[in-house]
Amino acid sequence: MTDKQAAALPRPDDPKAFEAVMRQHNRMLYRLARSILKDDAEAEDALQEAYLAAYRSLASFRGDSRMSSWLARIVINESYARLRKRKSAIVVPLSGEAPDMETSMPDRESERPDALALRGELRALLMRRIDALPEQFRTVFVMRDVEDLSVEETAECLSIPEATVRSRAFRARALLRESIAREIDVATVDAFGFDGARCDRIVASVLARLPRSPDSP
């Protein structure tokens, strides 16, 4: 469904037509909510509430902007409202300047269990590091690098200048690289841990296989 088609949705609003709108934008909007709230279940709830608000306000959408941008702003408002309620604190707004501070994959069905486990660990590591990014950088990173939106689309969705999108995306990538490198460095130290139990097990196994002299205890 194009933005013009969405703007021409029949009135009173047609739930079936709105279903097409939701399915078209679901992934991007969920990831946007998730980037703000850092919680899967709450991101789903926020997206649902945002969709309901959008459905009630469809008459105000005239197609002057992208449907994705219009929906994104509703999702952002809902997500930040939840964040303020959860934290009971002022959050950093999306507008203004930032402070100084899918490639091809192998067929998962053919992968061995250990390869799938490793993929899961890497995915969990990446999600933890993305969640640890400052909010304004995290949201831009998700829209630019995860959802692959253009600079122009991201700027329109977040109501910030394109230059700000570029600077935040650059800073987010740098912070992500640094944090992942640090975590990998720490993990590398213990990658081939050799604790007492392992040492005892190897020694006991070898001793059990050694030939014994007749007078050995």
N, C-alpha and C. Protein backbone atom coordinates (compact mmCIF):
# COMPACT_ATOMS: atom_id res chain seq x y z
N MET A 1 0.85 -1.19 0.00
CA MET A 1 0.00 0.00 0.00
C MET A 1 0.88 1.25 0.00
N THR A 2 0.65 2.13 -0.95
CA THR A 2 1.41 3.37 -1.02
C THR A 2 0.84 4.37 -0.03
N ASP A 3 1.59 5.45 0.22
CA ASP A 3 1.11 6.47 1.14
C ASP A 3 -0.16 7.14 0.61
N LYS A 4 -0.23 7.32 -0.71
CA LYS A 4 -1.43 7.91 -1.29
C LYS A 4 -2.63 6.99 -1.10
N GLN A 5 -2.40 5.68 -1.25
CA GLN A 5 -3.49 4.74 -1.03
C GLN A 5 -3.93 4.75 0.43
N ALA A 6 -2.93 4.85 1.33
CA ALA A 6 -3.26 4.89 2.75
C ALA A 6 -4.07 6.14 3.07
N ALA A 7 -3.71 7.24 2.43
CA ALA A 7 -4.44 8.49 2.67
C ALA A 7 -5.86 8.41 2.15
N ALA A 8 -6.08 7.51 1.20
CA ALA A 8 -7.40 7.38 0.60
C ALA A 8 -8.21 6.25 1.22
N LEU A 9 -7.81 5.78 2.41
CA LEU A 9 -8.57 4.72 3.07
C LEU A 9 -10.02 5.13 3.21
N PRO A 10 -10.96 4.22 2.99
CA PRO A 10 -12.38 4.57 3.07
C PRO A 10 -12.76 5.06 4.46
N ARG A 11 -13.69 5.95 4.52
CA ARG A 11 -14.22 6.47 5.77
C ARG A 11 -15.69 6.05 5.87
N PRO A 12 -16.16 5.52 7.01
CA PRO A 12 -15.37 5.28 8.20
C PRO A 12 -14.26 4.27 7.93
N ASP A 13 -13.22 4.34 8.72
CA ASP A 13 -12.00 3.59 8.45
C ASP A 13 -12.26 2.08 8.37
N ASP A 14 -11.58 1.46 7.45
CA ASP A 14 -11.77 0.04 7.15
C ASP A 14 -10.70 -0.77 7.88
N PRO A 15 -11.08 -1.62 8.84
CA PRO A 15 -10.09 -2.42 9.57
C PRO A 15 -9.24 -3.29 8.65
N LYS A 16 -9.82 -3.84 7.60
CA LYS A 16 -9.05 -4.69 6.70
C LYS A 16 -7.98 -3.90 5.97
N ALA A 17 -8.32 -2.68 5.56
CA ALA A 17 -7.32 -1.84 4.90
C ALA A 17 -6.23 -1.44 5.89
N PHE A 18 -6.62 -1.18 7.13
CA PHE A 18 -5.63 -0.81 8.14
C PHE A 18 -4.72 -1.99 8.47
N GLU A 19 -5.24 -3.19 8.34
CA GLU A 19 -4.40 -4.37 8.54
C GLU A 19 -3.22 -4.37 7.58
N ALA A 20 -3.47 -3.98 6.34
CA ALA A 20 -2.39 -3.91 5.36
C ALA A 20 -1.34 -2.89 5.76
N VAL A 21 -1.81 -1.77 6.33
CA VAL A 21 -0.88 -0.74 6.80
C VAL A 21 -0.01 -1.30 7.91
N MET A 22 -0.62 -1.99 8.87
CA MET A 22 0.13 -2.55 9.99
C MET A 22 1.15 -3.57 9.53
N ARG A 23 0.74 -4.47 8.66
CA ARG A 23 1.67 -5.51 8.22
C ARG A 23 2.84 -4.92 7.43
N GLN A 24 2.59 -3.83 6.74
CA GLN A 24 3.64 -3.20 5.95
C GLN A 24 4.70 -2.55 6.83
N HIS A 25 4.29 -2.02 7.98
CA HIS A 25 5.21 -1.24 8.81
C HIS A 25 5.54 -1.89 10.14
N ASN A 26 5.00 -3.08 10.39
CA ASN A 26 5.12 -3.71 11.69
C ASN A 26 6.56 -3.85 12.18
N ARG A 27 7.43 -4.42 11.35
CA ARG A 27 8.78 -4.72 11.79
C ARG A 27 9.54 -3.45 12.17
N MET A 28 9.50 -2.46 11.29
CA MET A 28 10.24 -1.23 11.54
C MET A 28 9.74 -0.54 12.80
N LEU A 29 8.41 -0.46 12.97
CA LEU A 29 7.85 0.24 14.10
C LEU A 29 8.09 -0.51 15.41
N TYR A 30 8.04 -1.85 15.35
CA TYR A 30 8.35 -2.61 16.57
C TYR A 30 9.79 -2.38 16.98
N ARG A 31 10.71 -2.43 16.03
CA ARG A 31 12.11 -2.22 16.37
C ARG A 31 12.36 -0.80 16.88
N LEU A 32 11.61 0.14 16.37
CA LEU A 32 11.73 1.51 16.85
C LEU A 32 11.29 1.60 18.31
N ALA A 33 10.15 1.00 18.63
CA ALA A 33 9.67 0.99 20.01
C ALA A 33 10.64 0.22 20.91
N ARG A 34 11.15 -0.88 20.40
CA ARG A 34 12.09 -1.71 21.18
C ARG A 34 13.39 -0.96 21.46
N SER A 35 13.82 -0.12 20.52
CA SER A 35 15.06 0.63 20.70
C SER A 35 14.92 1.67 21.81
N ILE A 36 13.71 2.12 22.05
CA ILE A 36 13.47 3.11 23.11
C ILE A 36 13.22 2.44 24.45
N LEU A 37 12.41 1.38 24.44
CA LEU A 37 11.97 0.76 25.69
C LEU A 37 12.88 -0.37 26.17
N LYS A 38 13.64 -0.97 25.28
CA LYS A 38 14.56 -2.06 25.61
C LYS A 38 13.85 -3.23 26.28
N ASP A 39 12.63 -3.48 25.90
CA ASP A 39 11.86 -4.59 26.47
C ASP A 39 10.90 -5.09 25.40
N ASP A 40 10.99 -6.38 25.09
CA ASP A 40 10.19 -6.94 24.00
C ASP A 40 8.69 -6.79 24.23
N ALA A 41 8.24 -7.22 25.41
CA ALA A 41 6.80 -7.20 25.68
C ALA A 41 6.26 -5.78 25.72
N GLU A 42 7.00 -4.88 26.34
CA GLU A 42 6.51 -3.50 26.43
C GLU A 42 6.52 -2.82 25.06
N ALA A 43 7.49 -3.19 24.22
CA ALA A 43 7.52 -2.64 22.86
C ALA A 43 6.28 -3.09 22.08
N GLU A 44 5.87 -4.34 22.26
CA GLU A 44 4.66 -4.83 21.60
C GLU A 44 3.44 -4.05 22.09
N ASP A 45 3.36 -3.87 23.41
CA ASP A 45 2.21 -3.12 23.96
C ASP A 45 2.19 -1.69 23.44
N ALA A 46 3.36 -1.06 23.41
CA ALA A 46 3.43 0.32 22.93
C ALA A 46 3.01 0.42 21.47
N LEU A 47 3.44 -0.55 20.67
CA LEU A 47 3.08 -0.53 19.26
C LEU A 47 1.59 -0.71 19.07
N GLN A 48 1.00 -1.60 19.84
CA GLN A 48 -0.44 -1.80 19.74
C GLN A 48 -1.21 -0.53 20.09
N GLU A 49 -0.80 0.12 21.18
CA GLU A 49 -1.47 1.36 21.57
C GLU A 49 -1.27 2.45 20.51
N ALA A 50 -0.08 2.48 19.93
CA ALA A 50 0.19 3.48 18.89
C ALA A 50 -0.69 3.22 17.67
N TYR A 51 -0.85 1.96 17.31
CA TYR A 51 -1.71 1.62 16.17
C TYR A 51 -3.15 2.05 16.44
N LEU A 52 -3.61 1.82 17.65
CA LEU A 52 -4.99 2.22 17.98
C LEU A 52 -5.14 3.73 17.88
N ALA A 53 -4.13 4.46 18.37
CA ALA A 53 -4.17 5.92 18.28
C ALA A 53 -4.14 6.36 16.82
N ALA A 54 -3.33 5.68 16.01
CA ALA A 54 -3.25 6.03 14.59
C ALA A 54 -4.57 5.75 13.88
N TYR A 55 -5.18 4.63 14.22
CA TYR A 55 -6.44 4.27 13.59
C TYR A 55 -7.52 5.31 13.87
N ARG A 56 -7.52 5.79 15.12
CA ARG A 56 -8.52 6.80 15.49
C ARG A 56 -8.23 8.14 14.81
N SER A 57 -6.97 8.34 14.37
CA SER A 57 -6.59 9.63 13.80
C SER A 57 -6.34 9.57 12.30
N LEU A 58 -6.77 8.48 11.66
CA LEU A 58 -6.49 8.33 10.23
C LEU A 58 -7.02 9.48 9.40
N ALA A 59 -8.11 10.09 9.85
CA ALA A 59 -8.68 11.20 9.08
C ALA A 59 -7.72 12.37 8.99
N SER A 60 -6.77 12.46 9.94
CA SER A 60 -5.83 13.58 9.92
C SER A 60 -4.64 13.33 9.00
N PHE A 61 -4.49 12.09 8.51
CA PHE A 61 -3.38 11.79 7.61
C PHE A 61 -3.81 12.08 6.17
N ARG A 62 -3.12 13.04 5.54
CA ARG A 62 -3.49 13.45 4.19
C ARG A 62 -2.47 13.03 3.15
N GLY A 63 -1.44 12.31 3.56
CA GLY A 63 -0.43 11.90 2.60
C GLY A 63 0.61 12.96 2.33
N ASP A 64 0.65 14.04 3.15
CA ASP A 64 1.67 15.08 2.96
C ASP A 64 3.06 14.57 3.33
N SER A 65 3.12 13.63 4.26
CA SER A 65 4.37 12.99 4.64
C SER A 65 4.22 11.49 4.43
N ARG A 66 5.31 10.77 4.60
CA ARG A 66 5.24 9.31 4.48
C ARG A 66 4.39 8.73 5.59
N MET A 67 3.64 7.69 5.24
CA MET A 67 2.86 6.99 6.26
C MET A 67 3.79 6.44 7.33
N SER A 68 4.96 5.93 6.93
CA SER A 68 5.91 5.38 7.89
C SER A 68 6.36 6.45 8.88
N SER A 69 6.58 7.67 8.41
CA SER A 69 7.02 8.75 9.29
C SER A 69 5.90 9.16 10.24
N TRP A 70 4.70 9.22 9.74
CA TRP A 70 3.55 9.58 10.57
C TRP A 70 3.35 8.55 11.68
N LEU A 71 3.40 7.28 11.31
CA LEU A 71 3.25 6.22 12.30
C LEU A 71 4.42 6.20 13.28
N ALA A 72 5.62 6.44 12.76
CA ALA A 72 6.81 6.42 13.63
C ALA A 72 6.70 7.47 14.73
N ARG A 73 6.21 8.65 14.38
CA ARG A 73 6.09 9.70 15.40
C ARG A 73 5.08 9.31 16.48
N ILE A 74 4.02 8.62 16.09
CA ILE A 74 3.04 8.15 17.08
C ILE A 74 3.66 7.10 17.98
N VAL A 75 4.43 6.18 17.38
CA VAL A 75 5.10 5.14 18.16
C VAL A 75 6.12 5.75 19.11
N ILE A 76 6.87 6.73 18.63
CA ILE A 76 7.87 7.40 19.47
C ILE A 76 7.19 8.07 20.66
N ASN A 77 6.10 8.80 20.41
CA ASN A 77 5.39 9.47 21.50
C ASN A 77 4.89 8.47 22.54
N GLU A 78 4.32 7.37 22.07
CA GLU A 78 3.81 6.35 22.99
C GLU A 78 4.95 5.71 23.78
N SER A 79 6.05 5.42 23.11
CA SER A 79 7.18 4.77 23.77
C SER A 79 7.81 5.67 24.83
N TYR A 80 7.97 6.95 24.49
CA TYR A 80 8.56 7.87 25.46
C TYR A 80 7.62 8.16 26.62
N ALA A 81 6.33 8.13 26.36
CA ALA A 81 5.37 8.30 27.46
C ALA A 81 5.50 7.14 28.44
N ARG A 82 5.67 5.93 27.91
CA ARG A 82 5.86 4.76 28.77
C ARG A 82 7.19 4.83 29.51
N LEU A 83 8.20 5.32 28.81
CA LEU A 83 9.52 5.42 29.43
C LEU A 83 9.50 6.42 30.58
N ARG A 84 8.83 7.55 30.37
CA ARG A 84 8.73 8.54 31.44
C ARG A 84 7.98 7.97 32.64
N LYS A 85 6.92 7.22 32.35
CA LYS A 85 6.13 6.63 33.43
C LYS A 85 6.96 5.59 34.18
N ARG A 86 7.73 4.80 33.43
CA ARG A 86 8.53 3.75 34.05
C ARG A 86 9.67 4.31 34.88
N LYS A 87 10.35 5.28 34.33
CA LYS A 87 11.52 5.83 35.02
C LYS A 87 11.18 6.96 35.99
N SER A 88 9.99 7.55 35.80
CA SER A 88 9.62 8.74 36.58
C SER A 88 10.73 9.78 36.54
N ALA A 89 11.25 9.95 35.33
CA ALA A 89 12.35 10.90 35.16
C ALA A 89 12.25 11.49 33.76
N ILE A 90 12.95 12.62 33.55
CA ILE A 90 12.98 13.26 32.25
C ILE A 90 13.90 12.47 31.35
N VAL A 91 13.45 12.20 30.14
CA VAL A 91 14.28 11.47 29.18
C VAL A 91 14.84 12.45 28.18
N VAL A 92 15.91 12.06 27.50
CA VAL A 92 16.53 12.92 26.51
C VAL A 92 15.62 13.00 25.29
N PRO A 93 15.20 14.17 24.86
CA PRO A 93 14.32 14.28 23.69
C PRO A 93 15.06 13.91 22.43
N LEU A 94 14.28 13.53 21.42
CA LEU A 94 14.88 13.14 20.15
C LEU A 94 15.32 14.35 19.35
N SER A 95 14.67 15.49 19.58
CA SER A 95 15.05 16.66 18.81
C SER A 95 16.29 17.30 19.40
N GLY A 96 16.98 18.10 18.60
CA GLY A 96 18.18 18.77 19.09
C GLY A 96 19.43 17.98 18.78
N GLU A 97 20.56 18.56 19.08
CA GLU A 97 21.83 17.93 18.77
C GLU A 97 22.21 16.90 19.81
N ALA A 98 22.95 15.91 19.36
CA ALA A 98 23.41 14.86 20.26
C ALA A 98 24.51 15.40 21.16
N PRO A 99 24.58 14.94 22.41
CA PRO A 99 25.66 15.39 23.29
C PRO A 99 26.97 14.80 22.86
N ASP A 100 28.07 15.37 23.31
CA ASP A 100 29.39 14.87 22.97
C ASP A 100 29.62 13.57 23.67
N MET A 101 29.71 13.08 23.61
CA MET A 101 29.98 11.85 24.32
C MET A 101 31.04 10.91 23.66
N GLU A 102 21.33 -6.49 6.08
CA GLU A 102 21.34 -7.92 6.25
C GLU A 102 22.08 -8.65 5.11
N THR A 103 23.07 -9.03 5.50
CA THR A 103 23.91 -9.80 4.58
C THR A 103 23.40 -11.23 4.42
N SER A 104 23.89 -11.96 3.43
CA SER A 104 23.46 -13.35 3.21
C SER A 104 23.94 -14.21 4.36
N MET A 105 23.07 -15.15 4.79
CA MET A 105 23.38 -16.02 5.90
C MET A 105 23.20 -17.46 5.46
N PRO A 106 23.92 -18.42 6.06
CA PRO A 106 23.75 -19.81 5.69
C PRO A 106 22.38 -20.32 6.11
N ASP A 107 21.95 -21.37 5.47
CA ASP A 107 20.67 -21.98 5.78
C ASP A 107 20.72 -22.50 7.21
N ARG A 108 19.83 -22.00 8.06
CA ARG A 108 19.88 -22.35 9.47
C ARG A 108 19.55 -23.82 9.69
N GLU A 109 18.72 -24.40 8.82
CA GLU A 109 18.35 -25.78 9.01
C GLU A 109 19.53 -26.71 8.82
N SER A 110 20.53 -26.26 8.03
CA SER A 110 21.68 -27.11 7.75
C SER A 110 22.81 -26.88 8.76
N GLU A 111 22.64 -25.91 9.66
CA GLU A 111 23.69 -25.62 10.62
C GLU A 111 23.67 -26.63 11.77
N ARG A 112 24.86 -26.89 12.28
CA ARG A 112 24.97 -27.79 13.42
C ARG A 112 24.47 -27.09 14.67
N PRO A 113 24.07 -27.89 15.68
CA PRO A 113 23.58 -27.27 16.92
C PRO A 113 24.58 -26.30 17.54
N ASP A 114 25.88 -26.63 17.48
CA ASP A 114 26.86 -25.75 18.08
C ASP A 114 26.95 -24.42 17.32
N ALA A 115 26.77 -24.48 15.98
CA ALA A 115 26.78 -23.25 15.19
C ALA A 115 25.56 -22.40 15.50
N LEU A 116 24.41 -23.06 15.67
CA LEU A 116 23.19 -22.32 16.02
C LEU A 116 23.32 -21.70 17.41
N ALA A 117 23.94 -22.43 18.33
CA ALA A 117 24.14 -21.89 19.68
C ALA A 117 25.05 -20.67 19.64
N LEU A 118 26.11 -20.76 18.83
CA LEU A 118 27.02 -19.63 18.71
C LEU A 118 26.31 -18.43 18.11
N ARG A 119 25.48 -18.67 17.09
CA ARG A 119 24.73 -17.57 16.50
C ARG A 119 23.84 -16.91 17.55
N GLY A 120 23.19 -17.73 18.38
CA GLY A 120 22.34 -17.18 19.41
C GLY A 120 23.12 -16.35 20.42
N GLU A 121 24.32 -16.81 20.78
CA GLU A 121 25.15 -16.06 21.72
C GLU A 121 25.60 -14.73 21.13
N LEU A 122 25.96 -14.76 19.84
CA LEU A 122 26.38 -13.52 19.19
C LEU A 122 25.23 -12.54 19.08
N ARG A 123 24.05 -13.07 18.78
CA ARG A 123 22.87 -12.21 18.67
C ARG A 123 22.56 -11.59 20.03
N ALA A 124 22.64 -12.40 21.10
CA ALA A 124 22.39 -11.87 22.44
C ALA A 124 23.42 -10.81 22.81
N LEU A 125 24.68 -11.04 22.44
CA LEU A 125 25.72 -10.06 22.70
C LEU A 125 25.43 -8.75 21.98
N LEU A 126 25.06 -8.85 20.71
CA LEU A 126 24.77 -7.64 19.93
C LEU A 126 23.59 -6.89 20.51
N MET A 127 22.54 -7.61 20.91
CA MET A 127 21.36 -6.95 21.48
C MET A 127 21.70 -6.26 22.79
N ARG A 128 22.54 -6.90 23.61
CA ARG A 128 22.94 -6.27 24.88
C ARG A 128 23.71 -4.98 24.62
N ARG A 129 24.60 -5.02 23.66
CA ARG A 129 25.42 -3.84 23.37
C ARG A 129 24.59 -2.73 22.74
N ILE A 130 23.62 -3.09 21.89
CA ILE A 130 22.74 -2.07 21.30
C ILE A 130 21.89 -1.45 22.41
N ASP A 131 21.36 -2.27 23.30
CA ASP A 131 20.55 -1.76 24.41
C ASP A 131 21.35 -0.81 25.30
N ALA A 132 22.66 -1.02 25.37
CA ALA A 132 23.50 -0.19 26.23
C ALA A 132 23.84 1.16 25.62
N LEU A 133 23.55 1.35 24.33
CA LEU A 133 23.81 2.64 23.70
C LEU A 133 22.92 3.72 24.29
N PRO A 134 23.38 4.96 24.36
CA PRO A 134 22.50 6.07 24.77
C PRO A 134 21.27 6.13 23.86
N GLU A 135 20.17 6.56 24.41
CA GLU A 135 18.88 6.46 23.71
C GLU A 135 18.90 7.09 22.32
N GLN A 136 19.41 8.32 22.22
CA GLN A 136 19.33 9.00 20.93
C GLN A 136 20.19 8.31 19.88
N PHE A 137 21.30 7.71 20.29
CA PHE A 137 22.14 6.97 19.35
C PHE A 137 21.51 5.63 19.00
N ARG A 138 20.93 4.98 20.00
CA ARG A 138 20.35 3.65 19.80
C ARG A 138 19.20 3.69 18.79
N THR A 139 18.34 4.69 18.91
CA THR A 139 17.19 4.79 18.02
C THR A 139 17.64 5.02 16.58
N VAL A 140 18.58 5.91 16.39
CA VAL A 140 19.08 6.17 15.04
C VAL A 140 19.77 4.93 14.48
N PHE A 141 20.55 4.23 15.31
CA PHE A 141 21.24 3.03 14.85
C PHE A 141 20.24 1.98 14.36
N VAL A 142 19.18 1.76 15.13
CA VAL A 142 18.19 0.76 14.75
C VAL A 142 17.53 1.13 13.42
N MET A 143 17.19 2.39 13.25
CA MET A 143 16.52 2.80 12.03
C MET A 143 17.44 2.77 10.82
N ARG A 144 18.70 3.18 11.02
CA ARG A 144 19.63 3.24 9.89
C ARG A 144 20.27 1.89 9.58
N ASP A 145 20.79 1.21 10.62
CA ASP A 145 21.59 0.00 10.38
C ASP A 145 20.80 -1.30 10.50
N VAL A 146 19.75 -1.30 11.29
CA VAL A 146 18.95 -2.51 11.42
C VAL A 146 17.83 -2.51 10.39
N GLU A 147 17.10 -1.39 10.32
CA GLU A 147 15.99 -1.30 9.37
C GLU A 147 16.41 -0.78 8.00
N ASP A 148 17.62 -0.26 7.91
CA ASP A 148 18.18 0.22 6.64
C ASP A 148 17.36 1.35 6.03
N LEU A 149 16.80 2.22 6.88
CA LEU A 149 16.12 3.41 6.38
C LEU A 149 17.16 4.42 5.91
N SER A 150 16.78 5.26 4.99
CA SER A 150 17.70 6.29 4.50
C SER A 150 17.86 7.38 5.54
N VAL A 151 18.89 8.21 5.34
CA VAL A 151 19.09 9.35 6.24
C VAL A 151 17.86 10.25 6.21
N GLU A 152 17.33 10.47 5.02
CA GLU A 152 16.16 11.34 4.88
C GLU A 152 14.95 10.78 5.62
N GLU A 153 14.69 9.47 5.46
CA GLU A 153 13.55 8.85 6.14
C GLU A 153 13.72 8.90 7.65
N THR A 154 14.92 8.61 8.12
CA THR A 154 15.17 8.62 9.56
C THR A 154 14.98 10.02 10.14
N ALA A 155 15.50 11.01 9.44
CA ALA A 155 15.35 12.39 9.89
C ALA A 155 13.88 12.79 9.94
N GLU A 156 13.12 12.37 8.95
CA GLU A 156 11.70 12.71 8.91
C GLU A 156 10.94 12.02 10.05
N CYS A 157 11.25 10.75 10.31
CA CYS A 157 10.58 10.02 11.37
C CYS A 157 10.87 10.62 12.74
N LEU A 158 12.11 11.02 12.96
CA LEU A 158 12.52 11.50 14.27
C LEU A 158 12.43 13.02 14.42
N SER A 159 12.10 13.70 13.32
CA SER A 159 11.99 15.16 13.34
C SER A 159 13.29 15.82 13.78
N ILE A 160 14.39 15.36 13.21
CA ILE A 160 15.70 15.93 13.49
C ILE A 160 16.39 16.19 12.16
N PRO A 161 17.41 17.07 12.13
CA PRO A 161 18.12 17.35 10.88
C PRO A 161 18.87 16.12 10.36
N GLU A 162 19.06 16.06 9.06
CA GLU A 162 19.79 14.95 8.47
C GLU A 162 21.23 14.89 8.99
N ALA A 163 21.83 16.05 9.22
CA ALA A 163 23.19 16.06 9.75
C ALA A 163 23.26 15.40 11.12
N THR A 164 22.21 15.59 11.91
CA THR A 164 22.16 14.95 13.24
C THR A 164 22.05 13.45 13.11
N VAL A 165 21.26 12.99 12.14
CA VAL A 165 21.14 11.56 11.89
C VAL A 165 22.51 10.97 11.56
N ARG A 166 23.24 11.64 10.69
CA ARG A 166 24.56 11.13 10.29
C ARG A 166 25.52 11.08 11.47
N SER A 167 25.55 12.14 12.27
CA SER A 167 26.48 12.17 13.39
C SER A 167 26.12 11.14 14.45
N ARG A 168 24.83 10.97 14.71
CA ARG A 168 24.42 9.98 15.71
C ARG A 168 24.68 8.57 15.22
N ALA A 169 24.44 8.32 13.94
CA ALA A 169 24.70 6.98 13.40
C ALA A 169 26.19 6.66 13.47
N PHE A 170 27.02 7.63 13.13
CA PHE A 170 28.47 7.43 13.19
C PHE A 170 28.92 7.15 14.62
N ARG A 171 28.40 7.94 15.57
CA ARG A 171 28.79 7.76 16.96
C ARG A 171 28.29 6.43 17.51
N ALA A 172 27.07 6.04 17.11
CA ALA A 172 26.51 4.77 17.58
C ALA A 172 27.36 3.59 17.11
N ARG A 173 27.78 3.62 15.85
CA ARG A 173 28.63 2.53 15.33
C ARG A 173 29.95 2.47 16.07
N ALA A 174 30.53 3.64 16.34
CA ALA A 174 31.82 3.67 17.05
C ALA A 174 31.67 3.12 18.46
N LEU A 175 30.61 3.54 19.17
CA LEU A 175 30.39 3.05 20.53
C LEU A 175 30.13 1.56 20.54
N LEU A 176 29.39 1.08 19.53
CA LEU A 176 29.07 -0.34 19.45
C LEU A 176 30.34 -1.17 19.20
N ARG A 177 31.17 -0.70 18.29
CA ARG A 177 32.42 -1.41 18.02
C ARG A 177 33.29 -1.48 19.28
N GLU A 178 33.38 -0.36 19.99
CA GLU A 178 34.22 -0.32 21.19
C GLU A 178 33.70 -1.26 22.27
N SER A 179 32.39 -1.24 22.50
CA SER A 179 31.83 -2.06 23.58
C SER A 179 31.93 -3.55 23.25
N ILE A 180 31.68 -3.91 21.98
CA ILE A 180 31.79 -5.32 21.60
C ILE A 180 33.24 -5.78 21.69
N ALA A 181 34.16 -4.94 21.26
CA ALA A 181 35.58 -5.30 21.33
C ALA A 181 36.00 -5.53 22.78
N ARG A 182 35.54 -4.68 23.70
CA ARG A 182 35.89 -4.85 25.10
C ARG A 182 35.34 -6.16 25.65
N GLU A 183 34.10 -6.48 25.30
CA GLU A 183 33.49 -7.70 25.81
C GLU A 183 34.18 -8.93 25.24
N ILE A 184 34.55 -8.87 23.97
CA ILE A 184 35.26 -10.00 23.37
C ILE A 184 36.63 -10.16 24.00
N ASP A 185 37.31 -9.05 24.28
CA ASP A 185 38.63 -9.12 24.92
C ASP A 185 38.54 -9.82 26.27
N VAL A 186 37.53 -9.46 27.05
CA VAL A 186 37.35 -10.08 28.36
C VAL A 186 37.04 -11.56 28.21
N ALA A 187 36.17 -11.89 27.24
CA ALA A 187 35.79 -13.30 27.05
C ALA A 187 36.97 -14.12 26.56
N THR A 188 37.86 -13.50 25.77
CA THR A 188 38.99 -14.24 25.22
C THR A 188 39.91 -14.74 26.32
N VAL A 189 40.05 -13.96 27.38
CA VAL A 189 40.94 -14.35 28.48
C VAL A 189 40.51 -15.69 29.08
N ASP A 190 39.18 -15.89 29.17
CA ASP A 190 38.65 -17.11 29.78
C ASP A 190 38.14 -18.12 28.76
N ALA A 191 38.47 -17.91 27.49
CA ALA A 191 37.90 -18.76 26.44
C ALA A 191 38.30 -20.21 26.61
N PHE A 192 39.51 -20.47 27.07
CA PHE A 192 39.98 -21.84 27.23
C PHE A 192 40.35 -22.08 28.70
N GLY A 193 39.37 -21.78 29.54
CA GLY A 193 39.59 -21.91 30.97
C GLY A 193 40.02 -23.32 31.36
N PHE A 194 40.89 -23.39 32.32
CA PHE A 194 41.42 -24.68 32.77
C PHE A 194 41.35 -24.71 34.28
N ASP A 195 40.16 -24.99 34.79
CA ASP A 195 39.97 -24.92 36.23
C ASP A 195 40.44 -26.20 36.91
N GLY A 196 40.34 -26.23 38.22
CA GLY A 196 40.82 -27.38 38.98
C GLY A 196 40.13 -28.66 38.63
N ALA A 197 38.83 -28.63 38.41
CA ALA A 197 38.08 -29.85 38.10
C ALA A 197 38.57 -30.47 36.80
N ARG A 198 38.80 -29.65 35.80
CA ARG A 198 39.27 -30.17 34.52
C ARG A 198 40.66 -30.80 34.69
N CYS A 199 41.52 -30.10 35.44
CA CYS A 199 42.86 -30.61 35.69
C CYS A 199 42.80 -31.97 36.39
N ASP A 200 41.97 -32.05 37.43
CA ASP A 200 41.85 -33.31 38.18
C ASP A 200 41.33 -34.43 37.30
N ARG A 201 40.36 -34.10 36.44
CA ARG A 201 39.76 -35.12 35.58
C ARG A 201 40.77 -35.70 34.60
N ILE A 202 41.59 -34.81 34.00
CA ILE A 202 42.59 -35.27 33.04
C ILE A 202 43.64 -36.14 33.72
N VAL A 203 44.11 -35.67 34.86
CA VAL A 203 45.13 -36.42 35.59
C VAL A 203 44.60 -37.78 36.00
N ALA A 204 43.37 -37.82 36.53
CA ALA A 204 42.80 -39.08 36.98
C ALA A 204 42.61 -40.05 35.82
N SER A 205 42.20 -39.50 34.65
CA SER A 205 41.99 -40.35 33.49
C SER A 205 43.30 -40.97 33.01
N VAL A 206 44.35 -40.16 32.97
CA VAL A 206 45.65 -40.67 32.53
C VAL A 206 46.19 -41.69 33.52
N LEU A 207 46.10 -41.40 34.81
CA LEU A 207 46.60 -42.32 35.82
C LEU A 207 45.89 -43.67 35.74
N ALA A 208 44.59 -43.61 35.43
CA ALA A 208 43.83 -44.86 35.35
C ALA A 208 44.28 -45.71 34.18
N ARG A 209 44.85 -45.11 33.17
CA ARG A 209 45.27 -45.84 31.98
C ARG A 209 46.74 -46.23 32.00
N LEU A 210 47.49 -45.75 32.96
CA LEU A 210 48.91 -46.08 33.05
C LEU A 210 49.07 -47.53 33.48
N PRO A 211 50.05 -48.21 32.90
CA PRO A 211 50.31 -49.59 33.35
C PRO A 211 50.77 -49.59 34.79
N ARG A 212 50.29 -50.53 35.55
CA ARG A 212 50.62 -50.62 36.96
C ARG A 212 51.63 -51.73 37.19
N SER A 213 52.59 -51.46 38.03
CA SER A 213 53.53 -52.51 38.43
C SER A 213 52.86 -53.40 39.44
N PRO A 214 53.34 -54.64 39.57
CA PRO A 214 52.68 -55.60 40.49
C PRO A 214 52.55 -55.10 41.91
N ASP A 215 53.50 -54.29 42.36
CA ASP A 215 53.46 -53.81 43.76
C ASP A 215 52.83 -52.44 43.91
N SER A 216 52.16 -51.93 42.83
CA SER A 216 51.49 -50.63 42.92
C SER A 216 50.25 -50.75 43.82
N PRO A 217 49.98 -49.72 44.62
CA PRO A 217 48.77 -49.76 45.48
C PRO A 217 47.51 -49.68 44.64
